[in-house]
Each structure stands twice: as structure tokens, then as C-alpha cells.
Amino acid sequence: MPLATLDSSNAKTIQATPLTPEAFAEFGGVISSAHQLKTHKIISANYGTAKKLFRVSPVQNNFHNAPSGVASTPNFNLFRCSPPDHILEYNVDGVKGKTRYVSTVLERHPFSSQTFLPMGRHKDAKAYIVIVAKNRPDGLPDMDTVQAFIARGDQAVTYGAATWHAPMVALGDTCDFGVFINENGQPNEDVQETYFEPGIKIEFDVSEEPVKSKL
């Protein structure tokens, strides 16, 4: 059962922007080697064949604050996500590549972070959309703070504990995600939802940039 259903009739249309660790920092973390190889501490590993970067994304477990007192376990789950084509509108306003998604639900994991690691997509592909919002003082999502990001195939995202976010919106092709989260099996402590009517419009460009030749 959702915590609430909020009227989103006056919500502004959100334009998705590229996902970067800096832009997403207040919502959790991003694993993105293209960015973090330039900003993080690096050591040589595997006898010189690897580079190790430290603490690239947060891992949070706050289940000691859960009302039930039930302990959690760290779990690695697998999500096979297909594009929600039944609610994606393509070539909006006759513009090739312009796409619209209407977000009607946000969820949060009140006591745990959640990390999605995409598997099998090309590193330059526009692989999925990340939609997030901050909390209002009453704990419900603040519609004035909704932001959306376009993630590439070589980027993982971590939603911070209690951060409102949309269910995974895969783009282009079906994508498998390895998902790390702490869970205790108590429904309202593992996940909470809020609905929006008629929904919040998210717009973005799904056109792929040409892959540069190495010749």
C-alpha cells in the first residue's frame, strides 16, 4: 500500500541530463570510471594489471533504526529490466529521438542504499533513466526537487538510504542489473511507495551518438 497519492497536475516537465557523480551526489552515488579515474585515489593492483579506486559509491545500512528490530542481510539480487514501451512516448512533437516518460510512482528504501550495476550494455549506450526526489519534512517526496538523469551502459547508480526514486527505466534493449541492497523482509521497512496522479513528465533524447572509429 502506498504511503500517499499526490496530485501532480501542476508538476513541471523535467528534462533529463547526463548522469555524473557530481550532479548526483546529494541523492547517493555514481560509479563511473570515465569520471572517477580523474578524481579518486588510485593504486596499482593485480601485479600491475589493474587500477583500484577507493570508495567510489556509498553503502548504507541503517536497519538499527528500523521499528521492527528485525536484522537485515546484505543481498545481491538480479533484475532483468525491459524498456517500459507501453508508457514511453517516442518522437515527441515530431522531434526524432525526443522521448517522454510519465512517472506515476516513486519508491524508497528507508534504511538501506541500493546500487544498480548494468551488465551487457555498450559503454556508450544510453542505457537507463534515473529519476529521484528529496524528502519533504513529512517524509513524502518533494515534487519540486524531482530530477532525472540519463545513464550510460558503463555507469552504475547508488540510491542513498531513504532517497525517493523511480523503478528502473531501461532504454533501448532489455538489460540485466546486479542490485546490491540490505533487506530484512519487513515490507514497509524494505520499501515504501508514493503514487502521483496524473504523473510527472520526464523528457530526454534517446538518439545515440555515432561510435567513433579507431582507424
Protein backbone atom coordinates (compact mmCIF):
# COMPACT_ATOMS: atom_id res chain seq x y z
CA MET A 1 0.00 0.00 0.00
CA PRO A 2 1.42 3.42 -0.92
CA LEU A 3 2.14 5.97 1.77
CA ALA A 4 0.10 8.52 -0.21
CA THR A 5 -1.19 9.53 -3.64
CA LEU A 6 -0.09 13.06 -4.51
CA ASP A 7 -1.66 15.44 -7.03
CA SER A 8 0.95 16.18 -9.69
CA SER A 9 -1.30 18.21 -12.01
CA ASN A 10 0.91 21.28 -11.67
CA ALA A 11 4.25 19.48 -11.71
CA LYS A 12 6.74 20.86 -14.21
CA THR A 13 8.15 18.74 -17.03
CA ILE A 14 11.64 17.52 -16.11
CA GLN A 15 14.45 17.48 -18.68
CA ALA A 16 16.88 14.63 -18.04
CA THR A 17 20.59 15.47 -18.01
CA PRO A 18 23.70 13.24 -18.21
CA LEU A 19 24.46 11.26 -15.05
CA THR A 20 27.69 12.31 -13.32
CA PRO A 21 28.97 11.71 -9.77
CA GLU A 22 28.95 15.45 -9.10
CA ALA A 23 25.39 16.07 -10.31
CA PHE A 24 24.01 13.08 -8.38
CA ALA A 25 25.98 13.50 -5.14
CA GLU A 26 23.08 14.72 -2.99
CA PHE A 27 20.99 11.66 -3.94
CA GLY A 28 23.58 8.90 -3.48
CA GLY A 29 26.49 7.90 -5.69
CA VAL A 30 27.56 7.02 -9.21
CA ILE A 31 30.20 4.50 -10.29
CA SER A 32 31.65 5.96 -13.47
CA SER A 33 35.26 5.22 -14.36
CA ALA A 34 35.31 7.95 -17.01
CA HIS A 35 34.87 10.47 -14.19
CA GLN A 36 36.45 8.78 -11.18
CA LEU A 37 39.75 7.84 -12.81
CA LYS A 38 40.35 11.59 -12.80
CA THR A 39 39.20 12.34 -9.26
CA HIS A 40 39.80 9.35 -6.95
CA LYS A 41 42.77 7.82 -5.20
CA ILE A 42 44.22 5.05 -7.36
CA ILE A 43 46.66 2.27 -6.54
CA SER A 44 48.13 -0.42 -8.72
CA ALA A 45 46.63 -3.89 -8.16
CA ASN A 46 46.79 -7.42 -9.56
CA TYR A 47 50.55 -7.20 -10.06
CA GLY A 48 50.29 -4.12 -12.22
CA THR A 49 47.44 -5.21 -14.48
CA ALA A 50 44.68 -3.26 -12.70
CA LYS A 51 43.93 0.10 -11.12
CA LYS A 52 41.99 0.15 -7.85
CA LEU A 53 39.83 3.16 -6.98
CA PHE A 54 38.66 3.54 -3.39
CA ARG A 55 35.13 4.19 -2.11
CA VAL A 56 33.53 5.08 -5.42
CA SER A 57 29.94 4.86 -4.11
CA PRO A 58 28.28 4.80 -0.67
CA VAL A 59 26.98 1.65 1.02
CA GLN A 60 24.49 2.36 3.82
CA ASN A 61 22.76 0.08 6.31
CA ASN A 62 20.58 1.90 8.85
CA PHE A 63 18.41 -1.04 9.88
CA HIS A 64 19.41 -0.49 13.51
CA ASN A 65 16.79 2.31 13.32
CA ALA A 66 14.02 0.06 11.94
CA PRO A 67 10.94 -0.13 14.23
CA SER A 68 10.62 -3.92 13.96
CA GLY A 69 14.11 -4.57 15.26
CA VAL A 70 14.48 -7.34 12.65
CA ALA A 71 18.07 -7.60 11.45
CA SER A 72 18.89 -7.22 7.76
CA THR A 73 21.10 -9.22 5.44
CA PRO A 74 23.19 -7.83 2.57
CA ASN A 75 21.73 -9.20 -0.66
CA PHE A 76 22.86 -9.21 -4.29
CA ASN A 77 19.74 -9.51 -6.46
CA LEU A 78 19.33 -9.73 -10.24
CA PHE A 79 16.85 -7.53 -12.10
CA ARG A 80 16.13 -8.17 -15.79
CA CYS A 81 14.60 -4.89 -16.95
CA SER A 82 12.86 -4.21 -20.25
CA PRO A 83 12.03 -0.75 -21.60
CA PRO A 84 8.50 0.28 -20.47
CA ASP A 85 7.41 0.81 -24.07
CA HIS A 86 3.73 0.85 -23.09
CA ILE A 87 4.28 4.17 -21.27
CA LEU A 88 7.16 5.63 -23.27
CA GLU A 89 6.20 8.18 -25.93
CA TYR A 90 8.72 8.37 -28.77
CA ASN A 91 9.45 11.21 -31.23
CA VAL A 92 7.52 13.70 -29.11
CA ASP A 93 6.31 16.79 -31.02
CA GLY A 94 7.65 15.20 -34.19
CA VAL A 95 11.24 15.52 -32.97
CA LYS A 96 13.29 12.41 -33.75
CA GLY A 97 14.71 10.87 -30.58
CA LYS A 98 12.73 13.08 -28.19
CA THR A 99 11.15 10.74 -25.66
CA ARG A 100 8.71 11.23 -22.79
CA TYR A 101 8.15 9.03 -19.75
CA VAL A 102 5.40 9.73 -17.21
CA SER A 103 6.48 8.82 -13.69
CA THR A 104 3.49 7.75 -11.59
CA VAL A 105 5.31 6.14 -8.67
CA LEU A 106 8.41 6.79 -6.61
CA GLU A 107 9.81 4.37 -4.06
CA ARG A 108 12.45 4.49 -1.36
CA HIS A 109 14.31 2.05 0.85
CA PRO A 110 14.20 3.84 4.20
CA PHE A 111 17.10 2.01 5.84
CA SER A 112 19.40 0.94 3.00
CA SER A 113 21.20 2.24 -0.03
CA GLN A 114 20.55 0.39 -3.30
CA THR A 115 23.07 0.02 -6.12
CA PHE A 116 22.20 -0.92 -9.72
CA LEU A 117 25.08 -2.25 -11.84
CA PRO A 118 24.13 -2.70 -15.53
CA MET A 119 25.50 -5.74 -17.33
CA GLY A 120 25.95 -6.29 -21.06
CA ARG A 121 25.20 -2.85 -22.48
CA HIS A 122 27.69 -0.94 -24.66
CA LYS A 123 29.63 1.56 -22.58
CA ASP A 124 28.39 4.49 -24.67
CA ALA A 125 24.75 3.38 -24.88
CA LYS A 126 22.02 5.45 -23.28
CA ALA A 127 21.07 2.52 -21.09
CA TYR A 128 18.60 3.75 -18.48
CA ILE A 129 16.94 6.75 -16.85
CA VAL A 130 17.41 7.66 -13.19
CA ILE A 131 14.61 9.68 -11.54
CA VAL A 132 14.98 10.93 -7.96
CA ALA A 133 13.48 13.37 -5.45
CA LYS A 134 14.27 14.69 -1.99
CA ASN A 135 12.10 14.17 1.08
CA ARG A 136 9.58 16.70 2.32
CA PRO A 137 9.52 17.37 6.08
CA ASP A 138 6.71 14.80 6.37
CA GLY A 139 8.84 12.17 4.61
CA LEU A 140 6.92 12.14 1.33
CA PRO A 141 8.70 13.01 -1.94
CA ASP A 142 9.08 16.71 -2.72
CA MET A 143 7.84 17.19 -6.31
CA ASP A 144 9.72 20.49 -6.56
CA THR A 145 13.02 18.61 -6.24
CA VAL A 146 12.48 15.89 -8.85
CA GLN A 147 15.49 15.41 -11.13
CA ALA A 148 16.20 12.96 -13.93
CA PHE A 149 19.46 11.67 -15.38
CA ILE A 150 20.49 9.64 -18.44
CA ALA A 151 22.90 6.83 -17.53
CA ARG A 152 25.33 5.17 -19.91
CA GLY A 153 25.97 1.45 -20.13
CA ASP A 154 29.23 1.81 -18.17
CA GLN A 155 27.69 3.66 -15.22
CA ALA A 156 26.21 2.22 -12.03
CA VAL A 157 23.98 4.21 -9.70
CA THR A 158 23.51 4.07 -5.93
CA TYR A 159 20.34 5.47 -4.40
CA GLY A 160 21.10 6.69 -0.90
CA ALA A 161 19.08 5.33 2.02
CA ALA A 162 15.59 6.91 2.08
CA THR A 163 16.11 8.56 -1.31
CA TRP A 164 12.96 8.60 -3.43
CA HIS A 165 13.47 7.12 -6.90
CA ALA A 166 11.52 5.68 -9.79
CA PRO A 167 11.52 1.97 -10.61
CA MET A 168 14.22 1.19 -13.18
CA VAL A 169 13.54 2.67 -16.62
CA ALA A 170 15.64 0.70 -19.11
CA LEU A 171 16.18 2.16 -22.57
CA GLY A 172 16.71 0.54 -25.95
CA ASP A 173 17.19 -3.11 -25.00
CA THR A 174 16.47 -5.43 -22.12
CA CYS A 175 19.22 -5.04 -19.55
CA ASP A 176 20.31 -7.16 -16.59
CA PHE A 177 21.27 -5.32 -13.41
CA GLY A 178 23.13 -6.69 -10.42
CA VAL A 179 21.45 -4.98 -7.45
CA PHE A 180 23.04 -4.69 -4.01
CA ILE A 181 20.81 -3.83 -1.05
CA ASN A 182 20.29 -4.64 2.64
CA GLU A 183 16.89 -6.20 3.40
CA ASN A 184 15.11 -7.57 6.47
CA GLY A 185 11.94 -9.00 4.88
CA GLN A 186 9.59 -6.47 6.51
CA PRO A 187 7.61 -4.91 3.63
CA ASN A 188 7.28 -1.34 4.92
CA GLU A 189 10.89 -1.30 6.11
CA ASP A 190 12.40 -2.72 2.92
CA VAL A 191 10.48 -0.43 0.55
CA GLN A 192 7.88 2.34 0.62
CA GLU A 193 5.96 3.86 -2.31
CA THR A 194 4.16 7.08 -3.17
CA TYR A 195 1.87 7.45 -6.20
CA PHE A 196 1.40 10.51 -8.42
CA GLU A 197 -1.72 11.45 -10.36
CA PRO A 198 -1.64 12.14 -13.27
CA GLY A 199 2.16 11.71 -13.11
CA ILE A 200 5.34 13.70 -13.66
CA LYS A 201 6.59 14.09 -17.24
CA ILE A 202 10.24 13.28 -17.87
CA GLU A 203 11.73 14.15 -21.27
CA PHE A 204 15.04 13.07 -22.80
CA ASP A 205 16.77 12.32 -26.11
CA VAL A 206 17.36 8.65 -26.92
CA SER A 207 19.33 9.34 -30.11
CA GLU A 208 22.66 7.56 -29.95
CA GLU A 209 25.83 9.41 -30.90
CA PRO A 210 27.84 7.73 -33.67
CA VAL A 211 30.60 5.47 -32.34
CA LYS A 212 33.96 6.99 -33.27
CA SER A 213 36.16 4.88 -35.50
CA LYS A 214 39.50 3.80 -34.08
CA LEU A 215 41.10 3.85 -37.54
